[in-house]
Amino acid sequence: WMDLICDAETFVMISEHVRPTIHGLTIEDCVTPECREKLELFDNYMLIVIRTTSVHHEFMSEKLCILVFRTMVLTYHTGEACDIVVHEALLRLQKRHQVKCPSPGWVAHTLIDVIVDKMIPMVECRVQEVQNVESLVFQLGG
């Protein structure tokens, strides 16, 4: 698993040397901050672009790009929240698979699982807010 935390120019330079080759559109998606969430399949790898909530701004997000090859995983990000996600995923993988991770798919799954787990409290808070507004509407309307 290679975790790249660098500027876009450095990522482009490094990605040009990765084998099997990374498609140009994948590189573009990784370095474009506005890229939306996606899952794309290529001949030799799968690209997952996912977002996690920012550490400093509750309503902002940071992008994590996960490239899953047959024998390796490459992650690329620039934000502090993604650093936390990667670190937590690494700890979970070490706890679950002390010696060797069974496949790159486990790494991708664990990264996504950490992001989803981090979002659960925020989602529960929004559900509570909606229920509160709904109760208020019914009280005022009844």
N, C-alpha and C. Protein backbone atom coordinates (compact mmCIF):
# COMPACT_ATOMS: atom_id res chain seq x y z
N TRP A 1 0.86 -1.16 0.00
CA TRP A 1 0.00 0.00 0.00
C TRP A 1 0.90 1.22 0.00
N MET A 2 0.73 2.05 -1.00
CA MET A 2 1.51 3.28 -1.09
C MET A 2 0.55 4.45 -0.90
N ASP A 3 0.77 5.23 0.15
CA ASP A 3 -0.07 6.37 0.46
C ASP A 3 0.69 7.64 0.07
N LEU A 4 0.17 8.35 -0.92
CA LEU A 4 0.83 9.56 -1.41
C LEU A 4 0.14 10.79 -0.84
N ILE A 5 0.90 11.59 -0.12
CA ILE A 5 0.42 12.85 0.43
C ILE A 5 1.35 13.92 -0.15
N CYS A 6 0.94 14.49 -1.25
CA CYS A 6 1.82 15.41 -1.95
C CYS A 6 1.01 16.36 -2.82
N ASP A 7 1.69 17.31 -3.41
CA ASP A 7 1.00 18.24 -4.31
C ASP A 7 0.70 17.53 -5.63
N ALA A 8 -0.14 18.15 -6.43
CA ALA A 8 -0.60 17.55 -7.69
C ALA A 8 0.55 17.27 -8.65
N GLU A 9 1.48 18.19 -8.74
CA GLU A 9 2.61 18.02 -9.66
C GLU A 9 3.45 16.80 -9.30
N THR A 10 3.69 16.61 -8.02
CA THR A 10 4.45 15.44 -7.56
C THR A 10 3.67 14.16 -7.83
N PHE A 11 2.36 14.19 -7.57
CA PHE A 11 1.54 13.01 -7.84
C PHE A 11 1.61 12.62 -9.32
N VAL A 12 1.49 13.60 -10.20
CA VAL A 12 1.56 13.33 -11.64
C VAL A 12 2.90 12.69 -11.97
N MET A 13 3.98 13.24 -11.45
CA MET A 13 5.31 12.71 -11.72
C MET A 13 5.44 11.25 -11.24
N ILE A 14 4.98 10.99 -10.03
CA ILE A 14 5.08 9.63 -9.48
C ILE A 14 4.18 8.68 -10.26
N SER A 15 2.96 9.10 -10.56
CA SER A 15 2.00 8.21 -11.23
C SER A 15 2.47 7.79 -12.62
N GLU A 16 3.29 8.60 -13.25
CA GLU A 16 3.81 8.23 -14.58
C GLU A 16 4.76 7.05 -14.51
N HIS A 17 5.26 6.73 -13.31
CA HIS A 17 6.20 5.62 -13.16
C HIS A 17 5.56 4.36 -12.57
N VAL A 18 4.28 4.44 -12.25
CA VAL A 18 3.58 3.28 -11.68
C VAL A 18 3.27 2.30 -12.80
N ARG A 19 3.49 1.01 -12.53
CA ARG A 19 3.13 -0.05 -13.46
C ARG A 19 2.27 -1.05 -12.74
N PRO A 20 1.16 -1.48 -13.32
CA PRO A 20 0.64 -1.12 -14.63
C PRO A 20 0.30 0.37 -14.71
N THR A 21 0.28 0.89 -15.91
CA THR A 21 0.10 2.32 -16.11
C THR A 21 -1.26 2.80 -15.63
N ILE A 22 -1.28 4.05 -15.20
CA ILE A 22 -2.51 4.69 -14.75
C ILE A 22 -3.02 5.56 -15.89
N HIS A 23 -4.27 5.40 -16.24
CA HIS A 23 -4.88 6.15 -17.33
C HIS A 23 -4.82 7.65 -17.05
N GLY A 24 -4.64 8.46 -18.07
CA GLY A 24 -4.55 9.90 -17.94
C GLY A 24 -5.77 10.54 -17.29
N LEU A 25 -6.95 10.00 -17.60
CA LEU A 25 -8.17 10.56 -16.98
C LEU A 25 -8.22 10.27 -15.48
N THR A 26 -7.65 9.15 -15.07
CA THR A 26 -7.57 8.84 -13.64
C THR A 26 -6.67 9.86 -12.94
N ILE A 27 -5.54 10.14 -13.55
CA ILE A 27 -4.61 11.12 -12.98
C ILE A 27 -5.30 12.48 -12.89
N GLU A 28 -6.03 12.84 -13.93
CA GLU A 28 -6.76 14.11 -13.93
C GLU A 28 -7.80 14.15 -12.81
N ASP A 29 -8.54 13.05 -12.63
CA ASP A 29 -9.52 12.98 -11.55
C ASP A 29 -8.86 13.15 -10.18
N CYS A 30 -7.70 12.55 -10.02
CA CYS A 30 -7.01 12.61 -8.73
C CYS A 30 -6.53 14.03 -8.40
N VAL A 31 -6.06 14.75 -9.38
CA VAL A 31 -5.49 16.07 -9.10
C VAL A 31 -6.51 17.20 -9.20
N THR A 32 -7.72 16.91 -9.67
CA THR A 32 -8.76 17.93 -9.76
C THR A 32 -9.54 17.97 -8.45
N PRO A 33 -9.44 19.08 -7.71
CA PRO A 33 -10.12 19.15 -6.40
C PRO A 33 -11.63 18.97 -6.48
N GLU A 34 -12.25 19.41 -7.57
CA GLU A 34 -13.71 19.36 -7.70
C GLU A 34 -14.24 18.01 -8.16
N CYS A 35 -13.38 17.05 -8.36
CA CYS A 35 -13.82 15.74 -8.86
C CYS A 35 -14.85 15.14 -7.91
N ARG A 36 -15.92 14.62 -8.48
CA ARG A 36 -17.00 14.03 -7.69
C ARG A 36 -16.66 12.60 -7.28
N GLU A 37 -17.44 12.07 -6.36
CA GLU A 37 -17.28 10.70 -5.93
C GLU A 37 -17.55 9.79 -7.12
N LYS A 38 -16.78 8.71 -7.22
CA LYS A 38 -16.97 7.78 -8.34
C LYS A 38 -16.27 6.47 -8.08
N LEU A 39 -16.67 5.49 -8.85
CA LEU A 39 -16.00 4.20 -8.92
C LEU A 39 -15.88 3.87 -10.39
N GLU A 40 -14.66 3.70 -10.87
CA GLU A 40 -14.45 3.39 -12.28
C GLU A 40 -13.54 2.17 -12.40
N LEU A 41 -13.91 1.29 -13.32
CA LEU A 41 -13.11 0.08 -13.57
C LEU A 41 -12.27 0.26 -14.82
N PHE A 42 -11.01 -0.08 -14.72
CA PHE A 42 -10.10 -0.08 -15.85
C PHE A 42 -9.55 -1.49 -16.01
N ASP A 43 -8.78 -1.73 -17.06
CA ASP A 43 -8.26 -3.08 -17.31
C ASP A 43 -7.42 -3.61 -16.14
N ASN A 44 -6.58 -2.76 -15.56
CA ASN A 44 -5.63 -3.23 -14.56
C ASN A 44 -5.86 -2.70 -13.15
N TYR A 45 -6.87 -1.88 -12.98
CA TYR A 45 -7.13 -1.33 -11.65
C TYR A 45 -8.54 -0.76 -11.56
N MET A 46 -8.90 -0.42 -10.33
CA MET A 46 -10.18 0.22 -10.07
C MET A 46 -9.89 1.55 -9.36
N LEU A 47 -10.57 2.61 -9.77
CA LEU A 47 -10.44 3.92 -9.13
C LEU A 47 -11.67 4.17 -8.27
N ILE A 48 -11.43 4.54 -7.03
CA ILE A 48 -12.50 4.95 -6.12
C ILE A 48 -12.17 6.37 -5.66
N VAL A 49 -13.09 7.28 -5.87
CA VAL A 49 -12.95 8.63 -5.34
C VAL A 49 -14.06 8.79 -4.31
N ILE A 50 -13.66 9.08 -3.08
CA ILE A 50 -14.61 9.19 -1.98
C ILE A 50 -14.24 10.42 -1.15
N ARG A 51 -15.21 10.96 -0.47
CA ARG A 51 -14.95 12.15 0.35
C ARG A 51 -15.23 11.86 1.82
N THR A 52 -14.50 12.55 2.66
CA THR A 52 -14.71 12.48 4.11
C THR A 52 -14.84 13.90 4.63
N THR A 53 -15.48 14.04 5.78
CA THR A 53 -15.68 15.38 6.33
C THR A 53 -14.35 15.98 6.77
N SER A 54 -14.24 17.27 6.60
CA SER A 54 -13.04 18.01 6.97
C SER A 54 -12.89 18.04 8.49
N VAL A 55 -11.66 18.13 8.93
CA VAL A 55 -11.37 18.21 10.36
C VAL A 55 -11.80 19.57 10.93
N HIS A 56 -11.61 20.63 10.15
CA HIS A 56 -11.82 21.98 10.65
C HIS A 56 -13.18 22.59 10.29
N HIS A 57 -13.83 22.07 9.26
CA HIS A 57 -15.10 22.63 8.80
C HIS A 57 -16.11 21.51 8.60
N GLU A 58 -17.12 21.48 9.42
CA GLU A 58 -18.10 20.38 9.42
C GLU A 58 -18.78 20.20 8.06
N PHE A 59 -18.99 21.29 7.34
CA PHE A 59 -19.72 21.20 6.08
C PHE A 59 -18.79 21.17 4.86
N MET A 60 -17.51 21.00 5.08
CA MET A 60 -16.53 20.86 4.00
C MET A 60 -16.10 19.40 3.94
N SER A 61 -15.57 19.00 2.80
CA SER A 61 -15.11 17.62 2.67
C SER A 61 -13.73 17.59 2.02
N GLU A 62 -13.07 16.47 2.19
CA GLU A 62 -11.77 16.23 1.58
C GLU A 62 -11.86 14.97 0.73
N LYS A 63 -11.12 14.99 -0.37
CA LYS A 63 -11.18 13.90 -1.33
C LYS A 63 -10.05 12.89 -1.07
N LEU A 64 -10.41 11.61 -1.12
CA LEU A 64 -9.45 10.53 -1.03
C LEU A 64 -9.59 9.69 -2.30
N CYS A 65 -8.48 9.53 -3.02
CA CYS A 65 -8.48 8.69 -4.22
C CYS A 65 -7.82 7.36 -3.87
N ILE A 66 -8.49 6.28 -4.23
CA ILE A 66 -8.00 4.94 -3.95
C ILE A 66 -7.88 4.20 -5.28
N LEU A 67 -6.68 3.78 -5.63
CA LEU A 67 -6.47 2.99 -6.83
C LEU A 67 -6.15 1.57 -6.39
N VAL A 68 -7.00 0.64 -6.75
CA VAL A 68 -6.86 -0.74 -6.31
C VAL A 68 -6.38 -1.58 -7.49
N PHE A 69 -5.14 -2.05 -7.40
CA PHE A 69 -4.55 -2.93 -8.41
C PHE A 69 -4.65 -4.37 -7.91
N ARG A 70 -4.22 -5.32 -8.72
CA ARG A 70 -4.28 -6.73 -8.30
C ARG A 70 -3.39 -7.01 -7.09
N THR A 71 -2.23 -6.35 -7.03
CA THR A 71 -1.27 -6.66 -5.98
C THR A 71 -0.90 -5.47 -5.11
N MET A 72 -1.53 -4.32 -5.31
CA MET A 72 -1.20 -3.16 -4.49
C MET A 72 -2.35 -2.16 -4.47
N VAL A 73 -2.26 -1.24 -3.52
CA VAL A 73 -3.20 -0.14 -3.41
C VAL A 73 -2.39 1.15 -3.37
N LEU A 74 -2.87 2.14 -4.10
CA LEU A 74 -2.25 3.46 -4.08
C LEU A 74 -3.32 4.44 -3.65
N THR A 75 -3.04 5.21 -2.60
CA THR A 75 -3.98 6.24 -2.16
C THR A 75 -3.32 7.60 -2.36
N TYR A 76 -4.15 8.58 -2.71
CA TYR A 76 -3.66 9.94 -2.90
C TYR A 76 -4.62 10.92 -2.24
N HIS A 77 -4.06 11.83 -1.46
CA HIS A 77 -4.86 12.86 -0.80
C HIS A 77 -3.94 13.99 -0.37
N THR A 78 -4.57 15.10 0.02
CA THR A 78 -3.79 16.25 0.47
C THR A 78 -4.26 16.79 1.81
N GLY A 79 -5.37 16.29 2.33
CA GLY A 79 -5.97 16.89 3.52
C GLY A 79 -5.69 16.14 4.80
N GLU A 80 -5.86 16.86 5.89
CA GLU A 80 -5.62 16.33 7.23
C GLU A 80 -6.64 15.24 7.61
N ALA A 81 -7.89 15.41 7.20
CA ALA A 81 -8.92 14.41 7.52
C ALA A 81 -8.59 13.08 6.86
N CYS A 82 -8.07 13.12 5.65
CA CYS A 82 -7.70 11.87 4.97
C CYS A 82 -6.50 11.21 5.65
N ASP A 83 -5.59 12.02 6.20
CA ASP A 83 -4.48 11.45 6.98
C ASP A 83 -5.02 10.61 8.13
N ILE A 84 -6.04 11.14 8.80
CA ILE A 84 -6.65 10.44 9.93
C ILE A 84 -7.32 9.15 9.46
N VAL A 85 -8.02 9.21 8.33
CA VAL A 85 -8.69 8.03 7.78
C VAL A 85 -7.67 6.95 7.44
N VAL A 86 -6.60 7.34 6.78
CA VAL A 86 -5.56 6.38 6.38
C VAL A 86 -4.92 5.75 7.62
N HIS A 87 -4.63 6.57 8.62
CA HIS A 87 -4.02 6.05 9.85
C HIS A 87 -4.96 5.07 10.56
N GLU A 88 -6.24 5.43 10.66
CA GLU A 88 -7.21 4.55 11.31
C GLU A 88 -7.37 3.24 10.53
N ALA A 89 -7.39 3.33 9.20
CA ALA A 89 -7.49 2.12 8.38
C ALA A 89 -6.28 1.22 8.59
N LEU A 90 -5.10 1.81 8.66
CA LEU A 90 -3.89 1.04 8.89
C LEU A 90 -3.95 0.32 10.24
N LEU A 91 -4.41 1.02 11.26
CA LEU A 91 -4.54 0.39 12.59
C LEU A 91 -5.54 -0.77 12.56
N ARG A 92 -6.67 -0.57 11.89
CA ARG A 92 -7.67 -1.65 11.80
C ARG A 92 -7.12 -2.86 11.06
N LEU A 93 -6.41 -2.60 9.97
CA LEU A 93 -5.83 -3.71 9.20
C LEU A 93 -4.78 -4.45 10.02
N GLN A 94 -3.94 -3.73 10.75
CA GLN A 94 -2.93 -4.37 11.58
C GLN A 94 -3.56 -5.20 12.69
N LYS A 95 -4.65 -4.70 13.24
CA LYS A 95 -5.34 -5.43 14.31
C LYS A 95 -5.99 -6.71 13.77
N ARG A 96 -6.59 -6.60 12.60
CA ARG A 96 -7.32 -7.73 12.03
C ARG A 96 -6.40 -8.77 11.38
N HIS A 97 -5.39 -8.28 10.68
CA HIS A 97 -4.46 -9.16 9.94
C HIS A 97 -3.05 -8.86 10.44
N GLN A 98 -2.66 -9.47 11.52
CA GLN A 98 -1.40 -9.14 12.17
C GLN A 98 -0.18 -9.23 11.23
N VAL A 99 -0.14 -10.23 10.39
CA VAL A 99 1.05 -10.46 9.57
C VAL A 99 0.91 -9.90 8.17
N LYS A 100 -0.13 -10.31 7.47
CA LYS A 100 -0.25 -9.93 6.06
C LYS A 100 -1.72 -9.72 5.70
N CYS A 101 -1.99 -8.62 5.04
CA CYS A 101 -3.34 -8.34 4.57
C CYS A 101 -3.65 -9.27 3.38
N PRO A 102 -4.82 -9.91 3.37
CA PRO A 102 -5.12 -10.89 2.33
C PRO A 102 -5.16 -10.35 0.90
N SER A 103 -5.60 -9.11 0.72
CA SER A 103 -5.71 -8.58 -0.64
C SER A 103 -5.84 -7.06 -0.63
N PRO A 104 -5.55 -6.41 -1.75
CA PRO A 104 -5.75 -4.96 -1.85
C PRO A 104 -7.21 -4.56 -1.62
N GLY A 105 -8.13 -5.45 -1.93
CA GLY A 105 -9.54 -5.17 -1.70
C GLY A 105 -9.85 -4.92 -0.23
N TRP A 106 -9.15 -5.63 0.66
CA TRP A 106 -9.34 -5.41 2.10
C TRP A 106 -8.93 -3.99 2.48
N VAL A 107 -7.87 -3.48 1.88
CA VAL A 107 -7.42 -2.12 2.18
C VAL A 107 -8.48 -1.12 1.75
N ALA A 108 -8.98 -1.26 0.51
CA ALA A 108 -10.00 -0.35 0.00
C ALA A 108 -11.26 -0.41 0.86
N HIS A 109 -11.69 -1.61 1.21
CA HIS A 109 -12.88 -1.78 2.04
C HIS A 109 -12.69 -1.11 3.39
N THR A 110 -11.54 -1.29 4.00
CA THR A 110 -11.27 -0.71 5.31
C THR A 110 -11.27 0.81 5.26
N LEU A 111 -10.67 1.39 4.22
CA LEU A 111 -10.67 2.84 4.05
C LEU A 111 -12.10 3.39 3.97
N ILE A 112 -12.92 2.75 3.15
CA ILE A 112 -14.31 3.18 3.00
C ILE A 112 -15.08 2.98 4.30
N ASP A 113 -14.82 1.87 4.98
CA ASP A 113 -15.49 1.59 6.25
C ASP A 113 -15.16 2.66 7.29
N VAL A 114 -13.92 3.10 7.36
CA VAL A 114 -13.53 4.15 8.31
C VAL A 114 -14.28 5.44 8.00
N ILE A 115 -14.37 5.79 6.72
CA ILE A 115 -15.07 7.02 6.33
C ILE A 115 -16.54 6.94 6.71
N VAL A 116 -17.18 5.81 6.42
CA VAL A 116 -18.60 5.64 6.76
C VAL A 116 -18.79 5.72 8.28
N ASP A 117 -17.92 5.06 9.03
CA ASP A 117 -18.04 5.10 10.49
C ASP A 117 -17.89 6.52 11.03
N LYS A 118 -17.03 7.31 10.43
CA LYS A 118 -16.84 8.70 10.87
C LYS A 118 -18.06 9.56 10.56
N MET A 119 -18.84 9.19 9.56
CA MET A 119 -20.00 9.98 9.17
C MET A 119 -21.26 9.63 9.96
N ILE A 120 -21.30 8.50 10.61
CA ILE A 120 -22.51 8.06 11.31
C ILE A 120 -22.99 9.08 12.34
N PRO A 121 -22.14 9.62 13.22
CA PRO A 121 -22.64 10.61 14.18
C PRO A 121 -23.23 11.85 13.52
N MET A 122 -22.63 12.30 12.43
CA MET A 122 -23.14 13.48 11.73
C MET A 122 -24.50 13.18 11.10
N VAL A 123 -24.64 12.00 10.52
CA VAL A 123 -25.91 11.61 9.92
C VAL A 123 -26.99 11.49 11.00
N GLU A 124 -26.65 10.88 12.11
CA GLU A 124 -27.61 10.76 13.21
C GLU A 124 -28.05 12.14 13.72
N CYS A 125 -27.10 13.07 13.76
CA CYS A 125 -27.43 14.44 14.19
C CYS A 125 -28.42 15.09 13.21
N ARG A 126 -28.20 14.90 11.92
CA ARG A 126 -29.10 15.47 10.91
C ARG A 126 -30.48 14.85 11.00
N VAL A 127 -30.54 13.54 11.24
CA VAL A 127 -31.83 12.86 11.39
C VAL A 127 -32.58 13.46 12.58
N GLN A 128 -31.88 13.69 13.68
CA GLN A 128 -32.51 14.28 14.86
C GLN A 128 -33.01 15.69 14.56
N GLU A 129 -32.22 16.46 13.82
CA GLU A 129 -32.65 17.82 13.46
C GLU A 129 -33.92 17.79 12.61
N VAL A 130 -33.98 16.86 11.66
CA VAL A 130 -35.17 16.74 10.81
C VAL A 130 -36.37 16.34 11.66
N GLN A 131 -36.19 15.41 12.57
CA GLN A 131 -37.29 15.00 13.44
C GLN A 131 -37.77 16.15 14.32
N ASN A 132 -36.84 16.97 14.79
CA ASN A 132 -37.22 18.13 15.61
C ASN A 132 -38.03 19.14 14.80
N VAL A 133 -37.60 19.41 13.58
CA VAL A 133 -38.33 20.35 12.72
C VAL A 133 -39.70 19.77 12.39
N GLU A 134 -39.75 18.49 12.10
CA GLU A 134 -41.01 17.83 11.79
C GLU A 134 -41.98 17.94 12.97
N SER A 135 -41.49 17.70 14.17
CA SER A 135 -42.34 17.82 15.37
C SER A 135 -42.85 19.24 15.53
N LEU A 136 -41.99 20.21 15.31
CA LEU A 136 -42.38 21.62 15.41
C LEU A 136 -43.46 21.97 14.39
N VAL A 137 -43.31 21.49 13.17
CA VAL A 137 -44.29 21.75 12.11
C VAL A 137 -45.65 21.18 12.51
N PHE A 138 -45.66 19.95 13.02
CA PHE A 138 -46.92 19.33 13.41
C PHE A 138 -47.55 20.05 14.61
N GLN A 139 -46.72 20.53 15.53
CA GLN A 139 -47.25 21.25 16.69
C GLN A 139 -47.86 22.58 16.27
N LEU A 140 -47.18 23.29 15.38
CA LEU A 140 -47.68 24.58 14.93
C LEU A 140 -48.88 24.44 14.00
N GLY A 141 -48.92 23.36 13.27
CA GLY A 141 -50.00 23.16 12.31
C GLY A 141 -51.24 22.53 12.94
N GLY A 142 -51.11 21.94 14.10
CA GLY A 142 -52.22 21.21 14.71
C GLY A 142 -52.93 22.01 15.69
